[in-house]
Amino acid sequence: MNQVDQATARQALFVGGSWVEPDGGHYAVLDPATEETVGWAPEASRDQVHAACAAAREAFGPWSRTPPEERAAVLGRAAGLIAGRLKEYAELAQAETGATTGTARGMQVGVAAARFRRYARVEPAEWAIPPQINEAGTMGKAGVMGALAVRQPVGVVTCITSYNNPWANPAGKIAPALAMGNTVVVKPAPQDPLSVYRMAEALEAAGVPRGVVNVVSGRSPGVGEAAVDSPDVDMVSFTGSTAVGQRIAEVCGRGMKRQLMELGGKGAAVVFDDADVGSAVAGIGTTFSFYSGQICTAPTRVLAQRGIYGRLVEQLAAYAGRLKIGDPREPGTVVGPVISAAHRDRVESYVELGRREGAVVVTGGERPDLPSGFYVAPTLLADCANDLRVAREEIFGPVVAVIPFEDEEEGVALANDTDYGLIDYVWSGDVARAFRVARRLRAGGVGVNTVGRNMEAPFGGFKQSGVGRDVGSYALHAYSEVQAIVWPG
């Protein structure tokens, strides 16, 4: 579909294997870089969301009994179909999110294909428990008891996805959930749902049975609420803000529904005097460029030891100043727009708040002079204290706050003095110290001298950054229940 056709097309919902016209009409999806209409997304009614959940419930029995190898084959075919249309899908993702071309191709669509391919690899779903010798007693005769632990699918999973990556984030939920034999109802972010419907088309073409995958969208909070409170739903997998996650958890708690929550972050980057400053600057600098800072794992709270503080601030400011801001379709662009005008205003309000709180705006802080688009200049706030709101609250934009510290004890204390605990970072030339500090940080993950990821390592947060772990084999555990089978030996 070319861009003109896409801009006028009115997307249908995907419910029970059929493409269904939405009860609530359509709304415009805007390109954050041009402010033009990308396409028209469907607004589902509460009844249509519940119908999607009922379709998933009906499909669960047959799909859960489908041999894992056959389920894996569907995922493998979907991976191939997505990879085969990478350029087309990346153009849509770029139009919906404002991502740069490299990010849209490599980190959005490319990662989505890789995630489907990853879960097309069948893993053992059961393992033996060492036998137990029981003495005679009230429970019966003496004997040896064998046991087997078996991973079973949870059931119907509602997947509520984030706007910063409408390909990799949904794929990271859908693929392991389907691999385990669950069925899904996907509720994409309202800002960029069209990409998720293209993913549904790929899964349909790959042979996924009717009702196994359903996609419903809408701007009304009622769409997500219906996808959570449906009695047909057994589990909710959510990526988004902590505030919304808390409301979802309350509903799940009433129904004892399983949860996988990947929530907010305020990642600390602890930089010691002996660190490689260039490496630290390059890593921290990704906050300015990668998704324009709209990523929960960003090192947005920099803790710099006094001996290196001035040099680090100076080099971070220089790094930010070199980044080209503008049209994400242009080859040299590094920083694209944020997702919407409302979010741009929110990020700018935090910068102004930082000024009022006493932070020094070293670079950035002004809206870029561009003819259209929702742009925020990479902004560095220095001389911050850890109790400032800009140092404690998730801004979700290209804004970095720098806080000085004296010694290792203070650095660790400041890093842990936060409501969040998703990903932290440590830069030090002393590897032993770096690992010692990493183990003391209350975060689900710690990068030592890197912002890179191992895509088989567990991913999730401490404290208000989430519940549960996914990625790699950990996602298969997340989307399953463990059953024990015991017998006399």
Protein backbone atom coordinates (compact mmCIF):
# COMPACT_ATOMS: atom_id res chain seq x y z
CA MET A 1 0.00 0.00 0.00
CA ASN A 2 1.51 3.38 -0.99
CA GLN A 3 1.51 6.37 1.34
CA VAL A 4 -1.48 8.04 -0.35
CA ASP A 5 -3.59 4.88 -0.08
CA GLN A 6 -2.45 4.34 3.52
CA ALA A 7 -3.43 7.89 4.49
CA THR A 8 -7.00 7.41 3.26
CA ALA A 9 -7.50 3.75 4.21
CA ARG A 10 -9.75 2.97 7.15
CA GLN A 11 -8.38 0.10 9.18
CA ALA A 12 -10.69 -2.68 10.42
CA LEU A 13 -10.42 -4.55 13.72
CA PHE A 14 -9.17 -8.15 13.74
CA VAL A 15 -11.58 -10.25 15.81
CA GLY A 16 -12.01 -14.01 15.68
CA GLY A 17 -10.14 -14.31 12.41
CA SER A 18 -12.31 -11.71 10.63
CA TRP A 19 -11.72 -8.07 9.74
CA VAL A 20 -14.55 -6.18 11.44
CA GLU A 21 -15.72 -2.58 11.07
CA PRO A 22 -15.43 -0.70 14.37
CA ASP A 23 -18.52 0.43 16.22
CA GLY A 24 -16.82 3.66 17.27
CA GLY A 25 -15.69 4.80 13.83
CA HIS A 26 -12.13 5.84 13.08
CA TYR A 27 -9.60 8.40 14.25
CA ALA A 28 -6.59 9.91 12.52
CA VAL A 29 -3.09 8.63 13.25
CA LEU A 30 -0.60 11.49 12.86
CA ASP A 31 3.00 11.49 11.67
CA PRO A 32 4.96 13.16 14.52
CA ALA A 33 7.47 14.59 12.04
CA THR A 34 5.06 16.14 9.53
CA GLU A 35 1.81 16.35 11.55
CA GLU A 36 0.05 14.83 8.54
CA THR A 37 -2.39 11.92 8.64
CA VAL A 38 -0.75 8.51 8.28
CA GLY A 39 -4.01 6.57 8.27
CA TRP A 40 -7.27 5.97 10.10
CA ALA A 41 -7.35 3.63 13.08
CA PRO A 42 -10.47 1.83 14.33
CA GLU A 43 -12.19 2.68 17.61
CA ALA A 44 -13.54 -0.52 19.12
CA SER A 45 -16.57 -0.63 21.38
CA ARG A 46 -16.54 -2.41 24.73
CA ASP A 47 -18.71 -5.14 23.23
CA GLN A 48 -16.25 -5.66 20.37
CA VAL A 49 -13.34 -5.96 22.82
CA HIS A 50 -15.25 -8.55 24.82
CA ALA A 51 -16.07 -10.36 21.57
CA ALA A 52 -12.34 -10.51 20.82
CA CYS A 53 -11.70 -11.96 24.28
CA ALA A 54 -14.48 -14.53 23.78
CA ALA A 55 -12.98 -15.51 20.41
CA ALA A 56 -9.60 -16.00 22.07
CA ARG A 57 -11.22 -18.14 24.76
CA GLU A 58 -12.90 -20.33 22.16
CA ALA A 59 -9.64 -20.74 20.23
CA PHE A 60 -7.57 -21.52 23.32
CA GLY A 61 -8.45 -25.20 23.66
CA PRO A 62 -7.49 -26.29 20.12
CA TRP A 63 -4.42 -24.02 19.99
CA SER A 64 -3.09 -25.16 23.37
CA ARG A 65 -3.38 -28.78 22.21
CA THR A 66 -1.59 -28.06 18.92
CA PRO A 67 1.88 -29.65 18.98
CA PRO A 68 4.58 -27.12 19.90
CA GLU A 69 6.38 -27.82 16.62
CA GLU A 70 3.31 -26.75 14.63
CA ARG A 71 2.90 -23.59 16.70
CA ALA A 72 6.59 -22.85 16.16
CA ALA A 73 6.19 -23.30 12.42
CA VAL A 74 3.52 -20.58 12.34
CA LEU A 75 5.84 -18.20 14.21
CA GLY A 76 8.70 -19.03 11.84
CA ARG A 77 6.55 -18.29 8.80
CA ALA A 78 5.44 -15.00 10.36
CA ALA A 79 9.07 -14.05 10.93
CA GLY A 80 9.83 -14.66 7.28
CA LEU A 81 6.83 -12.65 6.08
CA ILE A 82 7.74 -9.69 8.30
CA ALA A 83 11.38 -9.78 7.22
CA GLY A 84 10.31 -9.97 3.58
CA ARG A 85 8.39 -6.71 3.85
CA LEU A 86 10.84 -4.96 6.18
CA LYS A 87 11.21 -1.79 4.11
CA GLU A 88 7.46 -1.31 3.68
CA TYR A 89 6.68 -2.02 7.31
CA ALA A 90 9.55 0.23 8.48
CA GLU A 91 8.17 3.12 6.45
CA LEU A 92 4.84 2.76 8.23
CA ALA A 93 6.52 2.46 11.63
CA GLN A 94 8.55 5.57 10.89
CA ALA A 95 5.44 7.48 9.86
CA GLU A 96 3.59 6.45 13.03
CA THR A 97 6.41 6.95 15.54
CA GLY A 98 8.87 9.44 14.05
CA ALA A 99 11.74 6.96 14.39
CA THR A 100 14.82 7.42 12.25
CA THR A 101 15.19 5.09 9.28
CA GLY A 102 17.85 2.97 10.96
CA THR A 103 15.78 2.60 14.11
CA ALA A 104 12.57 1.77 12.24
CA ARG A 105 14.27 -0.90 10.15
CA GLY A 106 16.69 -2.37 12.65
CA MET A 107 15.21 -1.86 16.10
CA GLN A 108 11.51 -1.95 15.28
CA VAL A 109 10.63 -4.23 12.35
CA GLY A 110 13.95 -6.10 12.36
CA VAL A 111 13.71 -6.93 16.05
CA ALA A 112 10.08 -8.01 15.64
CA ALA A 113 11.08 -10.54 12.97
CA ALA A 114 13.92 -11.75 15.18
CA ARG A 115 11.58 -12.25 18.12
CA PHE A 116 9.16 -14.36 16.11
CA ARG A 117 12.14 -16.35 14.81
CA ARG A 118 13.45 -16.80 18.37
CA TYR A 119 10.22 -18.34 19.63
CA ALA A 120 9.95 -20.57 16.58
CA ARG A 121 12.63 -22.57 18.40
CA VAL A 122 10.93 -25.24 20.50
CA GLU A 123 12.22 -25.58 24.05
CA PRO A 124 11.50 -28.35 26.58
CA ALA A 125 8.34 -27.62 28.57
CA GLU A 126 8.86 -30.20 31.29
CA TRP A 127 11.66 -31.29 33.56
CA ALA A 128 12.20 -34.01 36.15
CA ILE A 129 12.30 -33.27 39.86
CA PRO A 130 14.75 -35.40 41.92
CA PRO A 131 12.88 -38.35 43.54
CA GLN A 132 11.99 -38.05 47.20
CA ILE A 133 12.12 -40.91 49.70
CA ASN A 134 9.15 -40.79 52.07
CA GLU A 135 9.05 -42.70 55.34
CA ALA A 136 5.92 -44.53 56.42
CA GLY A 137 3.43 -42.40 58.30
CA THR A 138 -0.06 -40.99 58.31
CA MET A 139 0.18 -40.28 54.58
CA GLY A 140 0.83 -43.91 53.72
CA LYS A 141 3.54 -46.49 53.30
CA ALA A 142 7.20 -45.74 52.82
CA GLY A 143 8.13 -45.22 49.21
CA VAL A 144 9.87 -43.21 46.57
CA MET A 145 7.90 -40.39 44.96
CA GLY A 146 8.77 -39.18 41.50
CA ALA A 147 7.74 -35.77 40.19
CA LEU A 148 7.64 -33.86 36.95
CA ALA A 149 7.26 -30.09 36.48
CA VAL A 150 5.31 -29.18 33.35
CA ARG A 151 4.85 -25.73 31.84
CA GLN A 152 1.21 -25.21 30.84
CA PRO A 153 -0.24 -22.20 28.99
CA VAL A 154 -2.01 -19.60 31.12
CA GLY A 155 -4.97 -19.16 28.75
CA VAL A 156 -6.13 -15.91 27.16
CA VAL A 157 -3.55 -13.12 27.42
CA THR A 158 -4.35 -9.45 26.90
CA CYS A 159 -1.27 -7.70 25.51
CA ILE A 160 -1.29 -3.92 25.97
CA THR A 161 1.65 -2.43 24.13
CA SER A 162 3.69 0.77 24.23
CA TYR A 163 3.87 3.52 21.61
CA ASN A 164 7.64 3.77 21.39
CA ASN A 165 8.02 0.53 19.44
CA PRO A 166 4.87 -0.79 17.71
CA TRP A 167 6.76 -3.78 16.27
CA ALA A 168 9.31 -5.13 18.76
CA ASN A 169 7.14 -4.61 21.85
CA PRO A 170 4.04 -6.46 20.57
CA ALA A 171 6.22 -9.19 19.03
CA GLY A 172 7.93 -9.68 22.38
CA LYS A 173 4.55 -10.45 23.93
CA ILE A 174 2.72 -12.24 21.12
CA ALA A 175 5.50 -14.63 20.06
CA PRO A 176 6.28 -16.26 23.44
CA ALA A 177 2.61 -16.27 24.41
CA LEU A 178 1.66 -18.15 21.24
CA ALA A 179 4.68 -20.45 21.51
CA MET A 180 3.42 -21.56 24.93
CA GLY A 181 -0.07 -22.29 23.59
CA ASN A 182 -1.86 -19.16 24.79
CA THR A 183 -4.21 -17.07 22.68
CA VAL A 184 -3.97 -13.28 22.65
CA VAL A 185 -5.98 -10.08 22.47
CA VAL A 186 -3.66 -7.24 21.52
CA LYS A 187 -4.53 -3.68 22.42
CA PRO A 188 -1.91 -1.43 20.76
CA ALA A 189 -1.08 2.09 21.85
CA PRO A 190 -3.55 4.57 20.32
CA GLN A 191 -0.78 6.70 18.79
CA ASP A 192 0.57 4.01 16.43
CA PRO A 193 -1.73 0.99 16.10
CA LEU A 194 -1.53 0.52 12.33
CA SER A 195 1.76 -1.37 12.50
CA VAL A 196 0.20 -3.92 14.85
CA TYR A 197 -2.55 -4.62 12.32
CA ARG A 198 0.15 -5.31 9.70
CA MET A 199 1.63 -7.80 12.17
CA ALA A 200 -1.78 -9.44 12.50
CA GLU A 201 -1.96 -9.72 8.71
CA ALA A 202 1.43 -11.46 8.69
CA LEU A 203 0.29 -13.91 11.36
CA GLU A 204 -2.92 -14.58 9.47
CA ALA A 205 -0.95 -15.25 6.29
CA ALA A 206 1.39 -17.50 8.29
CA GLY A 207 -1.56 -19.72 9.17
CA VAL A 208 -2.51 -18.75 12.69
CA PRO A 209 -5.98 -20.24 13.37
CA ARG A 210 -9.04 -18.03 13.76
CA GLY A 211 -9.33 -16.42 17.17
CA VAL A 212 -5.78 -17.18 18.28
CA VAL A 213 -4.70 -13.58 17.59
CA ASN A 214 -7.09 -10.63 17.92
CA VAL A 215 -6.32 -6.92 17.66
CA VAL A 216 -8.55 -4.13 18.98
CA SER A 217 -7.66 -0.46 19.28
CA GLY A 218 -9.03 2.88 20.36
CA ARG A 219 -8.25 6.17 22.02
CA SER A 220 -10.85 5.70 24.75
CA PRO A 221 -9.53 4.27 28.03
CA GLY A 222 -12.58 2.01 27.92
CA VAL A 223 -10.97 -0.11 25.19
CA GLY A 224 -8.07 -1.09 27.41
CA GLU A 225 -10.31 -1.45 30.45
CA ALA A 226 -12.54 -3.91 28.60
CA ALA A 227 -9.50 -5.92 27.49
CA VAL A 228 -8.40 -6.18 31.12
CA ASP A 229 -11.70 -6.80 32.91
CA SER A 230 -13.15 -9.36 30.51
CA PRO A 231 -13.94 -12.59 32.38
CA ASP A 232 -12.41 -14.50 29.46
CA VAL A 233 -8.95 -13.03 30.14
CA ASP A 234 -6.53 -14.99 32.35
CA MET A 235 -3.45 -12.76 32.15
CA VAL A 236 -2.47 -9.20 31.26
CA SER A 237 0.91 -8.30 29.81
CA PHE A 238 1.38 -4.54 29.90
CA THR A 239 4.14 -2.14 28.88
CA GLY A 240 3.64 1.48 29.83
CA SER A 241 3.58 3.92 32.70
CA THR A 242 3.63 2.88 36.33
CA ALA A 243 0.43 4.82 37.00
CA VAL A 244 -1.54 2.89 34.38
CA GLY A 245 0.13 -0.36 35.47
CA GLN A 246 -1.10 0.19 39.02
CA ARG A 247 -4.69 0.60 37.83
CA ILE A 248 -4.43 -2.56 35.72
CA ALA A 249 -2.96 -4.46 38.68
CA GLU A 250 -5.94 -3.46 40.85
CA VAL A 251 -8.36 -4.96 38.33
CA CYS A 252 -6.21 -8.07 37.89
CA GLY A 253 -6.02 -8.51 41.64
CA ARG A 254 -9.79 -8.67 41.95
CA GLY A 255 -9.91 -11.49 39.41
CA MET A 256 -6.62 -13.15 40.43
CA LYS A 257 -5.37 -12.67 36.87
CA ARG A 258 -1.70 -13.22 36.15
CA GLN A 259 0.36 -10.14 35.33
CA LEU A 260 3.53 -9.25 33.47
CA MET A 261 4.26 -5.57 33.94
CA GLU A 262 7.09 -3.65 32.30
CA LEU A 263 6.66 -0.15 33.69
CA GLY A 264 8.55 3.09 34.11
CA GLY A 265 12.21 3.69 34.73
CA LYS A 266 14.62 6.37 35.88
CA GLY A 267 17.86 4.58 35.16
CA ALA A 268 20.90 5.67 37.13
CA ALA A 269 24.27 5.78 35.38
CA VAL A 270 26.93 5.70 38.10
CA VAL A 271 30.15 7.09 36.62
CA PHE A 272 33.29 6.76 38.74
CA ASP A 273 36.44 8.86 38.52
CA ASP A 274 38.34 6.08 36.78
CA ALA A 275 35.73 5.52 34.06
CA ASP A 276 36.36 5.75 30.34
CA VAL A 277 34.61 9.08 29.85
CA GLY A 278 34.18 8.60 26.10
CA SER A 279 32.42 5.29 26.65
CA ALA A 280 30.19 6.77 29.34
CA VAL A 281 29.26 9.75 27.17
CA ALA A 282 28.42 7.53 24.20
CA GLY A 283 26.24 5.31 26.38
CA ILE A 284 24.45 8.07 28.24
CA GLY A 285 24.10 9.98 24.96
CA THR A 286 21.70 7.35 23.65
CA THR A 287 19.10 9.03 25.87
CA PHE A 288 19.22 11.99 23.50
CA SER A 289 18.94 9.97 20.30
CA PHE A 290 17.42 6.51 20.73
CA TYR A 291 13.63 6.95 20.28
CA SER A 292 14.31 10.59 21.21
CA GLY A 293 14.60 9.48 24.82
CA GLN A 294 11.21 7.76 24.81
CA ILE A 295 12.51 4.54 26.29
CA CYS A 296 12.21 3.24 29.84
CA THR A 297 15.74 1.79 29.93
CA ALA A 298 17.48 5.11 29.20
CA PRO A 299 20.22 6.28 31.61
CA THR A 300 18.43 9.56 32.34
CA ARG A 301 19.85 10.09 35.85
CA VAL A 302 23.63 10.43 35.74
CA LEU A 303 25.53 10.15 39.02
CA ALA A 304 29.03 11.50 38.43
CA GLN A 305 31.84 11.25 40.96
CA ARG A 306 33.27 14.67 41.82
CA GLY A 307 36.65 14.08 40.19
CA ILE A 308 35.07 13.50 36.79
CA TYR A 309 31.92 15.58 37.14
CA GLY A 310 33.00 18.72 35.23
CA ARG A 311 34.59 16.79 32.37
CA LEU A 312 31.58 14.51 32.00
CA VAL A 313 29.11 17.42 31.91
CA GLU A 314 31.24 19.24 29.35
CA GLN A 315 31.53 16.22 27.07
CA LEU A 316 27.84 15.30 27.37
CA ALA A 317 26.91 18.86 26.38
CA ALA A 318 29.25 18.71 23.38
CA TYR A 319 27.84 15.33 22.38
CA ALA A 320 24.25 16.59 22.56
CA GLY A 321 25.13 19.71 20.60
CA ARG A 322 26.50 17.65 17.69
CA LEU A 323 23.33 15.64 17.16
CA LYS A 324 21.30 16.52 14.08
CA ILE A 325 17.64 17.12 14.88
CA GLY A 326 15.00 16.94 12.18
CA ASP A 327 13.20 14.85 9.60
CA PRO A 328 13.79 11.21 10.56
CA ARG A 329 13.71 10.25 6.88
CA GLU A 330 16.85 12.28 6.18
CA PRO A 331 20.00 10.09 6.27
CA GLY A 332 21.93 12.28 8.72
CA THR A 333 19.17 12.74 11.27
CA VAL A 334 19.92 11.37 14.73
CA VAL A 335 17.12 12.90 16.81
CA GLY A 336 13.57 12.69 15.51
CA PRO A 337 10.34 13.96 17.07
CA VAL A 338 8.57 12.74 20.15
CA ILE A 339 5.23 11.00 19.65
CA SER A 340 2.77 13.92 19.94
CA ALA A 341 2.30 17.61 20.63
CA ALA A 342 0.95 16.78 24.08
CA HIS A 343 4.03 14.75 24.94
CA ARG A 344 6.35 17.47 23.60
CA ASP A 345 4.60 19.94 25.90
CA ARG A 346 4.99 17.54 28.81
CA VAL A 347 8.74 17.14 28.25
CA GLU A 348 9.21 20.89 27.85
CA SER A 349 7.30 21.48 31.09
CA TYR A 350 9.77 19.24 32.91
CA VAL A 351 12.71 21.24 31.56
CA GLU A 352 11.11 24.43 32.80
CA LEU A 353 10.41 22.74 36.13
CA GLY A 354 14.09 21.81 36.38
CA ARG A 355 15.05 25.44 35.87
CA ARG A 356 12.71 26.53 38.65
CA GLU A 357 14.05 23.80 40.94
CA GLY A 358 17.59 25.13 40.51
CA ALA A 359 19.06 22.85 37.84
CA VAL A 360 21.38 24.45 35.29
CA VAL A 361 20.34 23.96 31.65
CA VAL A 362 23.72 23.35 30.04
CA THR A 363 22.40 22.67 26.55
CA GLY A 364 18.97 22.39 24.96
CA GLY A 365 15.89 23.62 26.72
CA GLU A 366 14.47 25.40 23.68
CA ARG A 367 12.13 24.11 20.99
CA PRO A 368 13.99 23.45 17.71
CA ASP A 369 13.14 25.88 14.90
CA LEU A 370 11.56 23.46 12.45
CA PRO A 371 8.52 24.01 10.20
CA SER A 372 6.53 21.08 11.53
CA GLY A 373 6.76 18.16 13.92
CA PHE A 374 6.87 17.55 17.64
CA TYR A 375 10.56 18.09 18.35
CA VAL A 376 12.42 18.48 21.62
CA ALA A 377 16.07 19.50 21.70
CA PRO A 378 18.45 17.15 23.57
CA THR A 379 18.68 18.77 26.99
CA LEU A 380 21.30 18.42 29.73
CA LEU A 381 20.47 19.51 33.27
CA ALA A 382 23.49 19.87 35.57
CA ASP A 383 23.97 20.59 39.27
CA CYS A 384 20.86 18.58 40.14
CA ALA A 385 20.01 17.14 43.53
CA ASN A 386 18.47 13.71 43.79
CA ASP A 387 15.30 15.12 45.35
CA LEU A 388 14.41 17.30 42.36
CA ARG A 389 11.38 16.12 40.43
CA VAL A 390 13.43 16.06 37.20
CA ALA A 391 15.71 13.55 38.94
CA ARG A 392 12.92 11.42 40.36
CA GLU A 393 10.11 11.32 37.79
CA GLU A 394 10.16 9.64 34.40
CA ILE A 395 10.24 12.37 31.75
CA PHE A 396 10.35 10.01 28.74
CA GLY A 397 12.21 12.37 26.47
CA PRO A 398 15.75 13.47 25.50
CA VAL A 399 16.52 14.97 28.90
CA VAL A 400 19.43 13.95 31.17
CA ALA A 401 19.92 15.12 34.75
CA VAL A 402 23.45 15.03 36.28
CA ILE A 403 24.01 14.68 40.02
CA PRO A 404 27.44 14.74 41.74
CA PHE A 405 28.54 12.25 44.40
CA GLU A 406 31.63 11.86 46.59
CA ASP A 407 32.36 8.16 47.09
CA GLU A 408 31.09 4.66 46.34
CA GLU A 409 28.74 4.54 49.31
CA GLU A 410 27.05 7.79 48.36
CA GLY A 411 26.85 6.77 44.70
CA VAL A 412 25.08 3.52 45.56
CA ALA A 413 22.77 5.26 48.02
CA LEU A 414 21.75 7.89 45.46
CA ALA A 415 21.24 5.29 42.75
CA ASN A 416 18.91 3.30 44.99
CA ASP A 417 17.05 6.36 46.24
CA THR A 418 14.29 6.12 43.65
CA ASP A 419 10.83 4.63 43.22
CA TYR A 420 12.03 2.83 40.10
CA GLY A 421 14.38 -0.07 39.47
CA LEU A 422 14.42 -1.15 35.83
CA ILE A 423 17.93 -0.78 34.38
CA ASP A 424 20.93 0.94 35.97
CA TYR A 425 24.47 1.37 34.66
CA VAL A 426 27.97 1.51 36.12
CA TRP A 427 31.06 2.93 34.43
CA SER A 428 34.41 2.23 36.07
CA GLY A 429 37.88 1.17 35.01
CA ASP A 430 37.95 -1.11 38.04
CA VAL A 431 35.92 -4.14 36.92
CA ALA A 432 35.84 -5.63 40.41
CA ARG A 433 34.33 -2.43 41.79
CA ALA A 434 31.89 -2.18 38.89
CA PHE A 435 30.53 -5.67 39.57
CA ARG A 436 30.50 -5.06 43.33
CA VAL A 437 28.40 -1.93 42.83
CA ALA A 438 26.16 -3.63 40.24
CA ARG A 439 25.18 -6.27 42.79
CA ARG A 440 24.18 -3.58 45.26
CA LEU A 441 21.88 -1.74 42.87
CA ARG A 442 18.16 -2.40 43.30
CA ALA A 443 17.39 -2.78 39.62
CA GLY A 444 16.25 -5.61 37.40
CA GLY A 445 19.28 -5.18 35.17
CA VAL A 446 22.67 -3.46 35.34
CA GLY A 447 24.92 -2.58 32.43
CA VAL A 448 28.63 -2.54 33.28
CA ASN A 449 30.46 -0.12 30.97
CA THR A 450 27.73 -0.56 28.36
CA VAL A 451 24.13 0.21 27.48
CA GLY A 452 23.98 -2.93 25.35
CA ARG A 453 21.61 -5.82 26.01
CA ASN A 454 21.87 -9.60 25.97
CA MET A 455 18.58 -10.66 24.42
CA GLU A 456 18.50 -13.95 26.35
CA ALA A 457 18.94 -12.25 29.74
CA PRO A 458 15.85 -11.73 31.92
CA PHE A 459 14.23 -8.32 31.57
CA GLY A 460 12.04 -6.64 34.16
CA GLY A 461 12.09 -4.28 37.10
CA PHE A 462 12.32 -3.96 40.84
CA LYS A 463 9.99 -1.71 42.84
CA GLN A 464 7.62 0.37 40.71
CA SER A 465 9.31 -0.63 37.47
CA GLY A 466 7.29 -3.78 37.07
CA VAL A 467 6.32 -7.32 37.97
CA GLY A 468 7.80 -10.45 36.39
CA ARG A 469 10.52 -11.16 33.85
CA ASP A 470 10.49 -11.78 30.13
CA VAL A 471 12.88 -12.08 27.14
CA GLY A 472 14.49 -15.34 26.04
CA SER A 473 13.41 -18.45 27.93
CA TYR A 474 12.19 -16.25 30.78
CA ALA A 475 9.30 -15.10 28.58
CA LEU A 476 8.17 -18.69 28.13
CA HIS A 477 8.02 -18.98 31.92
CA ALA A 478 6.16 -15.67 32.13
CA TYR A 479 3.42 -16.87 29.79
CA SER A 480 2.96 -20.22 31.48
CA GLU A 481 1.81 -21.89 34.68
CA VAL A 482 3.91 -24.65 36.22
CA GLN A 483 2.08 -27.88 36.96
CA ALA A 484 3.47 -30.67 39.17
CA ILE A 485 2.74 -34.29 38.34
CA VAL A 486 3.66 -36.72 41.15
CA TRP A 487 3.63 -40.55 41.19
CA PRO A 488 4.94 -43.41 43.35
CA GLY A 489 8.18 -44.92 42.12
